N, C-alpha and C. Protein backbone atom coordinates (compact mmCIF):
# COMPACT_ATOMS: atom_id res chain seq x y z
N MET A 1 -13.31 8.88 -16.28
CA MET A 1 -13.13 8.06 -15.30
C MET A 1 -12.37 8.19 -15.27
N GLN A 2 -11.70 8.90 -13.71
CA GLN A 2 -10.53 8.43 -13.05
C GLN A 2 -9.63 7.21 -12.91
N GLU A 3 -8.69 6.35 -13.46
CA GLU A 3 -8.13 5.25 -12.64
C GLU A 3 -8.35 5.02 -11.26
N LEU A 4 -8.79 3.98 -10.94
CA LEU A 4 -8.41 3.32 -9.26
C LEU A 4 -6.43 2.96 -9.32
N PRO A 5 -6.05 2.94 -7.98
CA PRO A 5 -5.62 2.72 -7.33
C PRO A 5 -4.59 0.92 -8.00
N PRO A 6 -3.99 0.36 -8.08
CA PRO A 6 -3.86 -0.50 -7.73
C PRO A 6 -4.60 -1.83 -6.37
N LEU A 7 -4.74 -2.39 -6.86
CA LEU A 7 -5.05 -3.62 -5.82
C LEU A 7 -4.43 -2.98 -4.06
N THR A 8 -3.23 -3.74 -4.13
CA THR A 8 -1.62 -3.80 -3.50
C THR A 8 -1.71 -2.54 -2.54
N LEU A 9 -1.67 -1.41 -3.21
CA LEU A 9 -1.84 -0.05 -2.66
C LEU A 9 -3.20 -0.12 -1.90
N VAL A 10 -4.70 -0.02 -1.89
CA VAL A 10 -5.82 0.41 -1.58
C VAL A 10 -5.94 -1.25 -0.34
N LYS A 11 -4.90 -2.21 -0.23
CA LYS A 11 -5.38 -2.94 0.73
C LYS A 11 -4.07 -1.95 1.71
N THR A 12 -3.30 -1.64 1.22
CA THR A 12 -2.00 -0.97 2.22
C THR A 12 -2.87 0.23 2.69
N TRP A 13 -3.02 1.22 2.53
CA TRP A 13 -4.22 2.00 2.45
C TRP A 13 -5.46 1.39 3.20
N LEU A 14 -6.33 0.87 3.47
CA LEU A 14 -6.74 0.32 4.28
C LEU A 14 -6.45 -0.15 5.46
N GLU A 15 -5.55 -1.12 5.79
CA GLU A 15 -4.78 -1.57 6.81
C GLU A 15 -3.94 -0.05 7.59
N VAL A 16 -3.51 0.64 7.02
CA VAL A 16 -3.15 2.12 7.65
C VAL A 16 -4.18 2.61 8.78
N ALA A 17 -5.39 3.39 7.84
CA ALA A 17 -5.90 3.06 8.19
C ALA A 17 -7.14 2.99 9.22
N LYS A 18 -6.53 1.74 9.32
CA LYS A 18 -7.05 0.78 11.06
C LYS A 18 -6.54 0.35 11.99
N LYS A 19 -5.37 0.87 11.58
CA LYS A 19 -3.66 0.74 12.32
C LYS A 19 -4.46 1.98 13.68
N LEU A 20 -4.17 2.03 14.81
CA LEU A 20 -5.02 2.44 15.68
C LEU A 20 -3.06 2.96 16.38
N ASP A 21 -2.27 2.39 16.35
CA ASP A 21 -0.80 3.11 16.81
C ASP A 21 -0.14 3.20 15.98
N LEU A 22 -0.95 4.48 14.55
CA LEU A 22 -0.24 5.19 13.32
C LEU A 22 -0.42 6.01 14.38
N PRO A 23 -0.05 7.26 13.85
CA PRO A 23 -0.32 8.54 14.10
C PRO A 23 -1.83 9.52 13.17
N ILE A 24 -2.65 9.71 14.14
CA ILE A 24 -4.09 9.78 13.85
C ILE A 24 -3.38 11.05 12.21
N ASN A 25 -3.06 12.23 11.72
CA ASN A 25 -2.78 12.12 11.12
C ASN A 25 -2.70 11.88 9.76
N VAL A 26 -1.87 10.55 9.88
CA VAL A 26 -1.39 9.72 8.69
C VAL A 26 -2.14 8.35 8.15
N ARG A 27 -3.08 8.39 9.23
CA ARG A 27 -4.73 7.09 9.37
C ARG A 27 -5.43 8.54 8.86
N GLU A 28 -5.57 9.81 9.02
CA GLU A 28 -7.05 10.31 8.19
C GLU A 28 -6.38 10.36 6.87
N LYS A 29 -4.79 11.12 6.41
CA LYS A 29 -4.86 10.83 5.22
C LYS A 29 -5.10 9.62 4.09
N ARG A 30 -4.99 8.59 4.79
CA ARG A 30 -5.22 7.07 4.05
C ARG A 30 -6.25 7.08 3.78
N SER A 31 -7.37 7.96 5.16
CA SER A 31 -8.63 7.96 4.41
C SER A 31 -8.85 8.73 3.49
N LYS A 32 -8.75 9.97 3.61
CA LYS A 32 -9.21 10.76 2.63
C LYS A 32 -9.25 10.06 1.33
N LEU A 33 -7.98 9.75 0.63
CA LEU A 33 -7.31 8.98 -0.42
C LEU A 33 -8.55 7.91 -0.64
N LEU A 34 -8.55 7.11 -0.02
CA LEU A 34 -9.54 5.79 0.26
C LEU A 34 -11.24 6.25 -0.30
N THR A 35 -11.43 7.38 0.62
CA THR A 35 -12.87 8.13 -0.05
C THR A 35 -13.24 8.79 -0.67
N TYR A 36 -11.60 10.11 -1.15
CA TYR A 36 -11.77 10.37 -2.82
C TYR A 36 -11.75 9.25 -3.69
N TYR A 37 -10.99 7.85 -3.57
CA TYR A 37 -11.53 7.19 -4.84
C TYR A 37 -12.21 6.62 -4.98
N PHE A 38 -13.28 5.99 -3.52
CA PHE A 38 -14.46 5.01 -3.02
C PHE A 38 -15.76 5.51 -3.05
N GLY A 39 -15.27 6.62 -2.58
CA GLY A 39 -16.80 7.55 -1.95
C GLY A 39 -16.79 6.76 -0.28
N SER A 40 -16.53 5.81 0.35
CA SER A 40 -16.36 5.77 1.56
C SER A 40 -15.12 4.26 1.96
N ILE A 41 -14.51 4.29 2.89
CA ILE A 41 -14.01 3.40 3.52
C ILE A 41 -14.46 1.77 3.36
N SER A 42 -15.63 1.96 3.56
CA SER A 42 -16.75 0.69 2.60
C SER A 42 -16.78 0.22 1.84
N GLN A 43 -16.49 0.67 1.03
CA GLN A 43 -17.03 0.90 -0.78
C GLN A 43 -15.25 0.66 -1.12
N ALA A 44 -14.60 1.35 -0.36
CA ALA A 44 -13.21 0.12 0.06
C ALA A 44 -13.01 -0.86 -0.45
N GLU A 45 -13.31 -1.38 0.79
CA GLU A 45 -13.20 -2.73 1.34
C GLU A 45 -13.93 -4.10 0.25
N CYS A 46 -15.09 -3.15 -0.05
CA CYS A 46 -15.95 -4.05 -1.13
C CYS A 46 -15.33 -4.01 -2.62
N TYR A 47 -14.54 -3.31 -3.15
CA TYR A 47 -13.07 -3.30 -3.77
C TYR A 47 -12.54 -4.87 -4.31
N VAL A 48 -11.49 -4.36 -3.15
CA VAL A 48 -10.57 -5.05 -2.58
C VAL A 48 -11.11 -6.99 -2.87
N GLU A 49 -12.10 -6.81 -1.48
CA GLU A 49 -13.42 -8.12 -1.52
C GLU A 49 -13.43 -8.75 -3.25
N ASP A 50 -13.72 -7.36 -3.57
CA ASP A 50 -14.27 -8.49 -5.38
C ASP A 50 -12.96 -8.68 -6.24
N ASN A 51 -11.99 -8.22 -5.87
CA ASN A 51 -10.82 -8.05 -7.00
C ASN A 51 -9.65 -9.00 -6.20
N ASP A 52 -9.74 -9.07 -5.06
CA ASP A 52 -8.42 -10.45 -4.49
C ASP A 52 -8.85 -10.98 -5.07
N ASP A 53 -7.89 -11.38 -6.03
CA ASP A 53 -8.24 -13.15 -7.08
C ASP A 53 -7.39 -13.71 -5.79
N TYR A 54 -6.41 -13.97 -5.52
CA TYR A 54 -5.83 -14.73 -4.18
C TYR A 54 -6.68 -15.15 -3.28
N ARG A 55 -7.40 -13.67 -2.37
CA ARG A 55 -8.36 -14.51 -1.34
C ARG A 55 -9.85 -15.31 -2.28
N GLN A 56 -9.95 -15.10 -3.80
CA GLN A 56 -11.03 -15.72 -4.22
C GLN A 56 -10.45 -17.11 -4.36
N LEU A 57 -8.91 -17.09 -4.49
CA LEU A 57 -8.77 -19.03 -4.57
C LEU A 57 -8.70 -19.58 -3.87
N VAL A 58 -7.70 -19.17 -2.70
CA VAL A 58 -8.14 -19.79 -1.07
C VAL A 58 -9.68 -20.20 -0.46
N SER A 59 -10.63 -19.32 -0.72
CA SER A 59 -11.85 -19.19 -0.18
C SER A 59 -12.29 -20.93 -1.53
């Protein structure tokens, strides 16, 4: 089983993939990386939600 990238990196990739003011090729590359590691963007978002200790402390 492959090791997942650090949570901070995943959060950054998600932000980049969603920013419409960045070039499409940059957003597509980040989206491909997220899909490679998680299968989909929504799975990557679930991973962040489930593992973001800071967010869990604030809630």
